[in-house]
């Protein structure tokens, strides 16, 4: 069977999901903390690692760099970066492997901190618009590194054997930028302050892990937008467990609501969800907290809230603890069957809303105002979405189209589901277990 034939989901819509589902370990945290193993030659054990394409590709990249990777059990690995092949970074094989992985940018900070240099090809990933990398390299430069870019080979290089602490004001509160500069700063001489830092739970997790490795990150700043780091000469091994993926939690809330299903999301990591649950509640979806589980009861209808003066609700992404941009595609899709209207404002990426043409083909009422804004006029279940053939352009749009297809009348085909596999672990098996009629063909 050809790759193109395998890379496709067939979904029979209209079946209510029911049962329990557990979110995987957080993808975005995994890419950071797995990269951090390069900071030490001692063993680092990480648990709850999701079995997804992007994370597996990063692990394979570390293996190719000479990191010893031992699988302890499902989701648990020990990494020992005692011997790192720096020459491999100059190879064509590295250029090919690294260019296909967005998360490959995360190895630069640790390599720079420990070895004084790091190379990376221009990373690939989602087709959601421009993702500039200036924040990473401007931060490295302020620590004393030199940055060069080869536009012909699309290759980034940073070097600096005597990094010095500095006061760094990030030009944007980038999560990956904060993590990369932070990992470089932990071994820089003197004190570094990172202002306008991202403060997502995954950054907090990375800080806690680095401190257990011997870094000196002021705990009073962890979770805020100001990090203070006192550089150390070396780090040691540690053990770390990933948080549940709050993007998956939001995805499952959306699936339950759209299919009029009843779902319990086990071990959801409620203290680390930010505004995730609140935003779905503003769409009229009931979500109950039961310990660390979330329960979404079956609802035939849900109504979108309005602002106090009665004007149309606007839902926009924002830095933590605001709504993650990764959830906006899902929120938009769920709103198509609500009572009422909502304006979705995607501030970060200029192409992330372009998937709405597929929802319109399915019968949704959406006005794409511009690349960043779309108005959704809820159908209130008076008209079911209809199954169609479509293509997944990125991870989050792909799972949003999957949610739409699960609720639709008839059969849908989604091509390029490798995009979904990049962020969701064994998604067809897990959804089939709660009643979805879904198969890979």
Protein backbone atom coordinates (compact mmCIF):
# COMPACT_ATOMS: atom_id res chain seq x y z
CA UNK A 1 0.00 0.00 0.00
CA UNK A 2 1.40 3.43 -0.91
CA UNK A 3 2.08 6.19 1.61
CA UNK A 4 -0.67 8.29 0.05
CA UNK A 5 -3.20 5.51 0.61
CA UNK A 6 -2.20 5.01 4.25
CA UNK A 7 -2.17 8.73 4.95
CA UNK A 8 -5.96 9.04 5.15
CA UNK A 9 -8.80 8.76 7.66
CA UNK A 10 -12.30 7.60 6.81
CA UNK A 11 -14.84 8.85 9.36
CA UNK A 12 -18.48 7.88 9.60
CA UNK A 13 -20.03 10.81 11.44
CA UNK A 14 -23.04 11.12 13.69
CA UNK A 15 -21.99 8.75 16.48
CA UNK A 16 -21.96 10.02 20.05
CA UNK A 17 -18.67 9.51 21.86
CA UNK A 18 -18.93 8.00 25.32
CA UNK A 19 -16.38 6.81 27.84
CA UNK A 20 -13.07 7.71 29.41
CA UNK A 21 -9.98 9.04 27.69
CA UNK A 22 -6.61 10.09 29.09
CA UNK A 23 -4.55 12.89 27.53
CA UNK A 24 -1.02 12.11 26.42
CA UNK A 25 2.08 13.81 27.75
CA UNK A 26 2.47 17.38 26.56
CA UNK A 27 4.06 17.61 23.12
CA UNK A 28 5.40 21.15 23.51
CA UNK A 29 6.96 20.36 26.88
CA UNK A 30 8.50 17.18 25.49
CA UNK A 31 10.36 19.04 22.73
CA UNK A 32 11.93 21.36 25.32
CA UNK A 33 12.91 18.94 28.07
CA UNK A 34 14.19 16.26 25.67
CA UNK A 35 16.45 18.90 24.11
CA UNK A 36 17.65 19.85 27.60
CA UNK A 37 19.32 16.43 28.03
CA UNK A 38 22.14 17.82 25.85
CA UNK A 39 23.14 20.09 28.75
CA UNK A 40 24.76 17.22 30.70
CA UNK A 41 26.72 14.04 30.16
CA UNK A 42 24.83 12.33 32.98
CA UNK A 43 21.66 10.24 32.51
CA UNK A 44 18.32 12.09 32.37
CA UNK A 45 15.13 10.04 32.67
CA UNK A 46 11.87 11.46 31.33
CA UNK A 47 8.41 9.92 31.83
CA UNK A 48 5.05 10.33 30.06
CA UNK A 49 6.66 11.04 26.67
CA UNK A 50 3.99 10.93 23.94
CA UNK A 51 4.46 8.47 21.08
CA UNK A 52 3.99 11.03 18.30
CA UNK A 53 5.87 11.81 15.12
CA UNK A 54 7.43 15.15 16.13
CA UNK A 55 8.75 13.82 19.44
CA UNK A 56 9.99 10.55 17.92
CA UNK A 57 11.81 12.51 15.23
CA UNK A 58 13.55 14.62 17.87
CA UNK A 59 14.60 11.48 19.77
CA UNK A 60 15.96 10.03 16.50
CA UNK A 61 17.86 13.28 15.91
CA UNK A 62 19.48 13.00 19.35
CA UNK A 63 20.43 9.38 18.62
CA UNK A 64 22.09 10.53 15.39
CA UNK A 65 24.03 13.12 17.42
CA UNK A 66 25.42 10.32 19.57
CA UNK A 67 23.05 10.49 22.56
CA UNK A 68 22.46 7.08 24.15
CA UNK A 69 18.69 6.55 24.33
CA UNK A 70 17.28 3.68 26.38
CA UNK A 71 13.56 2.91 26.49
CA UNK A 72 12.60 1.86 30.02
CA UNK A 73 8.92 1.24 29.31
CA UNK A 74 6.16 2.78 27.24
CA UNK A 75 6.56 6.56 27.50
CA UNK A 76 9.72 6.45 29.67
CA UNK A 77 13.24 6.95 28.33
CA UNK A 78 16.71 7.58 29.72
CA UNK A 79 18.97 9.87 27.70
CA UNK A 80 22.75 10.04 28.21
CA UNK A 81 24.50 12.71 26.15
CA UNK A 82 28.00 11.75 27.28
CA UNK A 83 29.38 11.63 23.75
CA UNK A 84 27.92 14.13 21.27
CA UNK A 85 29.07 14.05 17.65
CA UNK A 86 29.38 17.75 16.85
CA UNK A 87 30.70 16.97 13.36
CA UNK A 88 27.35 15.39 12.51
CA UNK A 89 25.82 18.87 12.58
CA UNK A 90 27.82 19.69 9.43
CA UNK A 91 26.48 16.68 7.52
CA UNK A 92 23.86 16.52 4.81
CA UNK A 93 22.04 13.84 6.81
CA UNK A 94 21.64 16.28 9.71
CA UNK A 95 20.44 18.99 7.36
CA UNK A 96 17.78 16.67 5.92
CA UNK A 97 16.66 15.31 9.27
CA UNK A 98 16.56 18.64 11.09
CA UNK A 99 14.76 20.56 8.35
CA UNK A 100 11.71 18.32 8.66
CA UNK A 101 11.22 18.99 12.37
CA UNK A 102 10.03 22.27 13.83
CA UNK A 103 11.26 21.31 17.28
CA UNK A 104 14.86 20.91 16.09
CA UNK A 105 15.43 24.59 16.89
CA UNK A 106 15.31 23.64 20.60
CA UNK A 107 18.68 21.88 20.54
CA UNK A 108 20.56 25.12 19.81
CA UNK A 109 20.44 26.58 23.33
CA UNK A 110 21.74 23.44 25.07
CA UNK A 111 24.48 22.88 22.44
CA UNK A 112 25.59 26.50 22.72
CA UNK A 113 25.67 26.34 26.53
CA UNK A 114 27.66 23.11 26.77
CA UNK A 115 29.80 23.02 23.63
CA UNK A 116 29.98 26.66 22.56
CA UNK A 117 28.35 26.11 19.18
CA UNK A 118 25.24 24.83 17.50
CA UNK A 119 24.01 24.43 13.93
CA UNK A 120 20.53 23.83 12.64
CA UNK A 121 18.85 23.87 9.22
CA UNK A 122 15.79 26.04 8.79
CA UNK A 123 13.13 24.04 10.64
CA UNK A 124 9.99 22.71 8.96
CA UNK A 125 6.62 21.98 10.54
CA UNK A 126 3.10 23.32 10.13
CA UNK A 127 1.92 25.37 7.17
CA UNK A 128 0.27 28.00 9.38
CA UNK A 129 2.21 31.08 8.35
CA UNK A 130 5.53 32.65 9.18
CA UNK A 131 7.18 31.56 12.43
CA UNK A 132 10.12 33.88 12.83
CA UNK A 133 13.14 32.80 14.86
CA UNK A 134 14.57 36.22 15.65
CA UNK A 135 13.74 35.92 19.36
CA UNK A 136 16.02 32.89 19.73
CA UNK A 137 19.03 34.37 17.97
CA UNK A 138 18.74 37.89 19.40
CA UNK A 139 18.78 36.31 22.85
CA UNK A 140 21.85 34.21 22.03
CA UNK A 141 23.65 37.28 20.71
CA UNK A 142 22.97 39.20 23.92
CA UNK A 143 24.63 36.34 25.81
CA UNK A 144 27.72 36.87 23.66
CA UNK A 145 27.22 34.34 20.87
CA UNK A 146 27.79 35.07 17.19
CA UNK A 147 25.02 34.29 14.76
CA UNK A 148 25.31 33.62 11.02
CA UNK A 149 22.76 32.49 8.46
CA UNK A 150 23.54 30.89 5.12
CA UNK A 151 20.54 31.78 2.91
CA UNK A 152 21.64 29.45 0.11
CA UNK A 153 21.71 26.37 2.35
CA UNK A 154 19.11 27.80 4.76
CA UNK A 155 21.44 26.97 7.65
CA UNK A 156 21.67 28.73 11.02
CA UNK A 157 24.90 28.80 13.06
CA UNK A 158 25.60 30.14 16.55
CA UNK A 159 28.93 30.09 18.35
CA UNK A 160 30.34 31.45 21.58
CA UNK A 161 32.64 29.71 24.06
CA UNK A 162 32.40 32.31 26.81
CA UNK A 163 28.77 33.21 27.24
CA UNK A 164 28.18 36.07 29.65
CA UNK A 165 25.05 36.82 31.63
CA UNK A 166 23.02 39.74 30.33
CA UNK A 167 19.77 41.62 30.77
CA UNK A 168 17.61 40.33 27.92
CA UNK A 169 14.31 41.86 26.88
CA UNK A 170 12.66 39.38 24.52
CA UNK A 171 10.99 41.04 21.54
CA UNK A 172 8.01 38.70 21.99
CA UNK A 173 6.87 36.30 24.72
CA UNK A 174 7.82 33.29 22.61
CA UNK A 175 7.57 29.94 24.42
CA UNK A 176 10.27 28.25 22.36
CA UNK A 177 12.37 31.43 22.33
CA UNK A 178 12.18 31.69 26.12
CA UNK A 179 13.09 28.01 26.55
CA UNK A 180 16.04 28.19 24.14
CA UNK A 181 17.55 31.35 25.64
CA UNK A 182 16.94 30.00 29.15
CA UNK A 183 18.82 26.77 28.38
CA UNK A 184 21.76 28.77 27.01
CA UNK A 185 21.75 31.14 30.00
CA UNK A 186 21.96 28.48 32.73
CA UNK A 187 25.65 27.96 31.89
CA UNK A 188 26.53 31.60 31.09
CA UNK A 189 28.93 33.34 33.46
CA UNK A 190 27.21 35.71 35.88
CA UNK A 191 23.57 36.68 36.14
CA UNK A 192 21.04 36.71 33.30
CA UNK A 193 17.60 38.28 33.48
CA UNK A 194 15.03 37.38 30.84
CA UNK A 195 12.19 39.91 30.74
CA UNK A 196 8.98 39.43 28.72
CA UNK A 197 9.56 35.70 29.16
CA UNK A 198 6.79 33.23 28.36
CA UNK A 199 5.33 31.74 31.53
CA UNK A 200 3.39 28.72 30.20
CA UNK A 201 3.28 25.62 32.42
CA UNK A 202 5.80 24.00 30.07
CA UNK A 203 8.33 26.77 30.77
CA UNK A 204 7.66 26.32 34.48
CA UNK A 205 8.28 22.59 34.09
CA UNK A 206 11.52 23.22 32.20
CA UNK A 207 12.71 25.61 34.94
CA UNK A 208 11.97 23.04 37.64
CA UNK A 209 13.82 20.33 35.70
CA UNK A 210 16.87 22.56 35.10
CA UNK A 211 17.01 23.48 38.80
CA UNK A 212 17.01 19.79 39.73
CA UNK A 213 19.93 19.42 37.32
CA UNK A 214 21.85 22.06 39.27
CA UNK A 215 20.83 25.26 37.48
CA UNK A 216 20.18 28.35 39.60
CA UNK A 217 16.93 29.83 38.32
CA UNK A 218 15.31 32.02 40.97
CA UNK A 219 12.13 30.11 41.92
CA UNK A 220 10.37 33.39 42.77
CA UNK A 221 10.28 34.28 39.06
CA UNK A 222 9.15 30.91 37.73
CA UNK A 223 5.62 31.37 36.40
CA UNK A 224 6.15 35.10 35.82
CA UNK A 225 7.48 37.07 32.86
CA UNK A 226 10.80 37.83 34.59
CA UNK A 227 13.35 35.04 35.01
CA UNK A 228 16.62 35.49 36.89
CA UNK A 229 19.38 32.97 36.31
CA UNK A 230 22.76 32.67 38.01
CA UNK A 231 25.04 30.75 35.65
CA UNK A 232 26.72 27.50 36.70
CA UNK A 233 29.64 25.66 35.13
CA UNK A 234 27.96 22.27 34.65
CA UNK A 235 24.75 20.34 35.20
CA UNK A 236 23.94 16.81 36.32
CA UNK A 237 21.30 14.22 35.55
CA UNK A 238 17.73 14.15 36.88
CA UNK A 239 14.30 12.56 36.50
CA UNK A 240 11.28 14.38 35.11
CA UNK A 241 7.63 13.72 34.27
CA UNK A 242 5.70 15.58 31.58
CA UNK A 243 2.38 17.29 32.26
CA UNK A 244 -0.79 16.18 30.44
CA UNK A 245 -1.20 17.93 27.09
CA UNK A 246 -3.77 20.68 27.62
CA UNK A 247 -4.28 20.98 23.84
CA UNK A 248 -5.47 17.37 23.85
CA UNK A 249 -7.73 18.16 26.81
CA UNK A 250 -9.34 20.97 24.80
CA UNK A 251 -9.62 18.70 21.76
CA UNK A 252 -11.52 16.06 23.75
CA UNK A 253 -13.89 18.65 25.25
CA UNK A 254 -14.63 19.78 21.69
CA UNK A 255 -15.20 16.23 20.45
CA UNK A 256 -17.63 15.46 23.26
CA UNK A 257 -19.61 18.67 22.66
CA UNK A 258 -19.79 18.34 18.88
CA UNK A 259 -20.90 14.68 18.95
CA UNK A 260 -23.38 15.29 21.83
CA UNK A 261 -21.33 12.72 23.70
CA UNK A 262 -20.53 12.07 27.33
CA UNK A 263 -16.84 11.91 28.12
CA UNK A 264 -14.59 11.79 31.16
CA UNK A 265 -11.11 13.16 30.58
CA UNK A 266 -8.91 11.41 33.14
CA UNK A 267 -5.90 13.03 34.83
CA UNK A 268 -6.42 16.27 32.94
CA UNK A 269 -3.91 18.34 34.92
CA UNK A 270 -6.56 20.89 35.92
CA UNK A 271 -4.18 23.29 37.73
CA UNK A 272 -2.24 23.71 34.47
CA UNK A 273 -5.12 24.35 32.04
CA UNK A 274 -5.21 28.16 32.23
CA UNK A 275 -8.33 29.51 30.49
CA UNK A 276 -8.88 26.35 28.43
CA UNK A 277 -11.99 25.13 30.24
CA UNK A 278 -13.41 28.63 30.77
CA UNK A 279 -13.38 29.35 27.03
CA UNK A 280 -15.41 26.22 26.27
CA UNK A 281 -17.82 27.17 29.04
CA UNK A 282 -18.31 30.54 27.34
CA UNK A 283 -19.45 28.58 24.28
CA UNK A 284 -22.13 27.10 26.55
CA UNK A 285 -20.47 23.71 27.06
CA UNK A 286 -20.84 22.19 30.51
CA UNK A 287 -17.55 20.92 31.92
CA UNK A 288 -17.47 19.59 35.51
CA UNK A 289 -14.33 19.10 37.60
CA UNK A 290 -14.09 15.83 39.52
CA UNK A 291 -10.77 15.79 41.32
CA UNK A 292 -8.24 15.97 38.50
CA UNK A 293 -10.75 14.61 35.96
CA UNK A 294 -13.03 16.63 33.70
CA UNK A 295 -16.55 15.37 32.93
CA UNK A 296 -18.40 16.61 29.85
CA UNK A 297 -22.06 15.50 30.01
CA UNK A 298 -24.16 14.91 26.92
CA UNK A 299 -25.72 18.18 25.73
CA UNK A 300 -28.21 18.45 22.89
CA UNK A 301 -27.62 22.22 22.66
CA UNK A 302 -25.13 24.81 23.86
CA UNK A 303 -25.40 28.59 23.54
CA UNK A 304 -22.54 31.06 23.07
CA UNK A 305 -22.24 33.73 25.74
CA UNK A 306 -22.17 37.44 24.91
CA UNK A 307 -20.36 40.38 26.46
CA UNK A 308 -22.15 42.21 29.29
CA UNK A 309 -23.57 44.84 26.91
CA UNK A 310 -24.98 42.10 24.65
CA UNK A 311 -22.39 42.49 21.89
CA UNK A 312 -20.96 39.51 20.05
CA UNK A 313 -18.39 37.49 21.97
CA UNK A 314 -14.78 37.67 20.77
CA UNK A 315 -12.38 34.81 21.53
CA UNK A 316 -8.71 35.51 20.87
CA UNK A 317 -5.40 33.87 21.65
CA UNK A 318 -3.10 35.55 24.18
CA UNK A 319 0.08 34.87 26.14
CA UNK A 320 -0.36 32.55 29.12
CA UNK A 321 -2.60 32.35 31.04
CA UNK A 322 -4.64 33.45 28.03
CA UNK A 323 -5.98 30.99 25.46
CA UNK A 324 -3.34 29.09 23.52
CA UNK A 325 -3.38 29.77 19.75
CA UNK A 326 -3.29 25.98 19.29
CA UNK A 327 -6.87 25.78 20.60
CA UNK A 328 -8.48 28.47 18.43
CA UNK A 329 -9.09 26.14 15.46
CA UNK A 330 -10.89 23.71 17.77
CA UNK A 331 -12.94 26.47 19.44
CA UNK A 332 -13.97 27.77 16.01
CA UNK A 333 -15.10 24.33 14.88
CA UNK A 334 -17.10 23.68 18.05
CA UNK A 335 -18.86 27.04 17.65
CA UNK A 336 -20.33 26.00 14.27
CA UNK A 337 -23.06 23.96 16.01
CA UNK A 338 -23.73 26.36 18.89
CA UNK A 339 -26.60 28.78 19.32
CA UNK A 340 -25.28 32.28 18.71
CA UNK A 341 -22.29 33.87 17.05
CA UNK A 342 -18.66 34.46 17.94
CA UNK A 343 -15.71 36.33 16.44
CA UNK A 344 -12.52 34.25 16.44
CA UNK A 345 -9.35 36.38 16.39
CA UNK A 346 -6.14 34.47 15.65
CA UNK A 347 -3.43 37.03 16.36
CA UNK A 348 -0.26 35.00 15.92
CA UNK A 349 -0.35 33.14 12.59
CA UNK A 350 -1.67 34.58 9.35
CA UNK A 351 -2.60 31.25 7.70
CA UNK A 352 -4.08 29.27 10.56
CA UNK A 353 -7.72 30.11 9.76
CA UNK A 354 -7.55 29.19 6.10
CA UNK A 355 -8.89 25.69 6.86
CA UNK A 356 -12.37 27.19 7.40
CA UNK A 357 -13.13 26.77 3.69
CA UNK A 358 -13.47 23.03 4.41
CA UNK A 359 -15.94 23.73 7.22
CA UNK A 360 -17.91 26.00 4.88
CA UNK A 361 -18.01 23.15 2.33
CA UNK A 362 -19.44 20.97 5.12
CA UNK A 363 -22.26 23.48 5.61
CA UNK A 364 -20.91 25.68 8.40
CA UNK A 365 -21.76 29.39 8.36
CA UNK A 366 -18.46 31.22 8.68
CA UNK A 367 -17.33 34.60 7.37
CA UNK A 368 -13.55 34.78 6.97
CA UNK A 369 -13.04 38.49 7.61
CA UNK A 370 -9.28 38.48 6.94
CA UNK A 371 -6.33 36.10 7.55
CA UNK A 372 -6.63 36.62 11.30
CA UNK A 373 -10.37 36.86 11.98
CA UNK A 374 -13.45 34.75 11.31
CA UNK A 375 -17.06 35.17 12.41
CA UNK A 376 -18.93 31.94 13.15
CA UNK A 377 -22.73 31.93 12.99
CA UNK A 378 -23.84 28.86 14.93
CA UNK A 379 -26.21 26.42 13.24
CA UNK A 380 -27.75 25.35 16.60
CA UNK A 381 -27.88 21.79 15.21
CA UNK A 382 -30.74 22.74 12.89
CA UNK A 383 -28.54 21.57 10.05
CA UNK A 384 -25.90 18.87 10.51
CA UNK A 385 -22.55 19.30 8.86
CA UNK A 386 -22.14 16.97 5.89
CA UNK A 387 -19.28 14.60 5.24
CA UNK A 388 -16.81 15.61 2.51
CA UNK A 389 -13.29 14.84 1.34
CA UNK A 390 -10.67 17.25 2.71
CA UNK A 391 -6.97 17.65 3.52
CA UNK A 392 -5.26 18.36 6.83
CA UNK A 393 -2.96 21.41 6.46
CA UNK A 394 -1.50 21.33 10.00
CA UNK A 395 -1.85 19.52 13.33
CA UNK A 396 -4.55 21.65 14.92
CA UNK A 397 -6.58 22.27 11.76
CA UNK A 398 -6.37 18.54 11.08
CA UNK A 399 -7.86 17.56 14.43
CA UNK A 400 -10.47 20.34 14.06
CA UNK A 401 -11.58 18.84 10.75
CA UNK A 402 -11.62 15.45 12.45
CA UNK A 403 -13.94 16.86 15.15
CA UNK A 404 -16.22 18.28 12.44
CA UNK A 405 -16.25 14.94 10.60
CA UNK A 406 -17.14 13.02 13.77
CA UNK A 407 -20.25 15.18 14.14
CA UNK A 408 -21.19 15.31 10.45
CA UNK A 409 -23.91 13.44 8.57
CA UNK A 410 -22.35 10.89 6.25
CA UNK A 411 -18.77 9.84 5.57
CA UNK A 412 -15.73 12.11 5.45
CA UNK A 413 -12.23 11.47 4.13
CA UNK A 414 -9.28 13.41 5.54
CA UNK A 415 -6.01 13.23 3.62
CA UNK A 416 -2.51 14.03 4.95
CA UNK A 417 -3.33 12.76 8.44
CA UNK A 418 0.40 12.47 9.12
CA UNK A 419 -0.09 16.07 10.21
CA UNK A 420 -2.43 14.87 12.97
CA UNK A 421 0.01 12.07 13.87
CA UNK A 422 2.65 14.73 14.53
CA UNK A 423 0.73 15.86 17.61
CA UNK A 424 -1.77 13.15 18.64
CA UNK A 425 -0.80 9.70 19.87
CA UNK A 426 -2.64 6.69 18.39
CA UNK A 427 -5.62 8.91 17.79
CA UNK A 428 -7.74 6.41 15.83
CA UNK A 429 -7.39 3.65 18.46
CA UNK A 430 -8.16 6.01 21.35
CA UNK A 431 -11.21 7.54 19.66
CA UNK A 432 -12.51 4.19 18.46
CA UNK A 433 -12.43 3.03 22.08
CA UNK A 434 -14.93 5.79 23.00
CA UNK A 435 -17.30 5.14 20.11
CA UNK A 436 -15.87 6.92 17.08
CA UNK A 437 -16.34 5.24 13.70
CA UNK A 438 -12.88 6.02 12.38
CA UNK A 439 -10.31 4.05 10.48
CA UNK A 440 -7.05 4.63 8.66
CA UNK A 441 -7.23 3.53 5.04
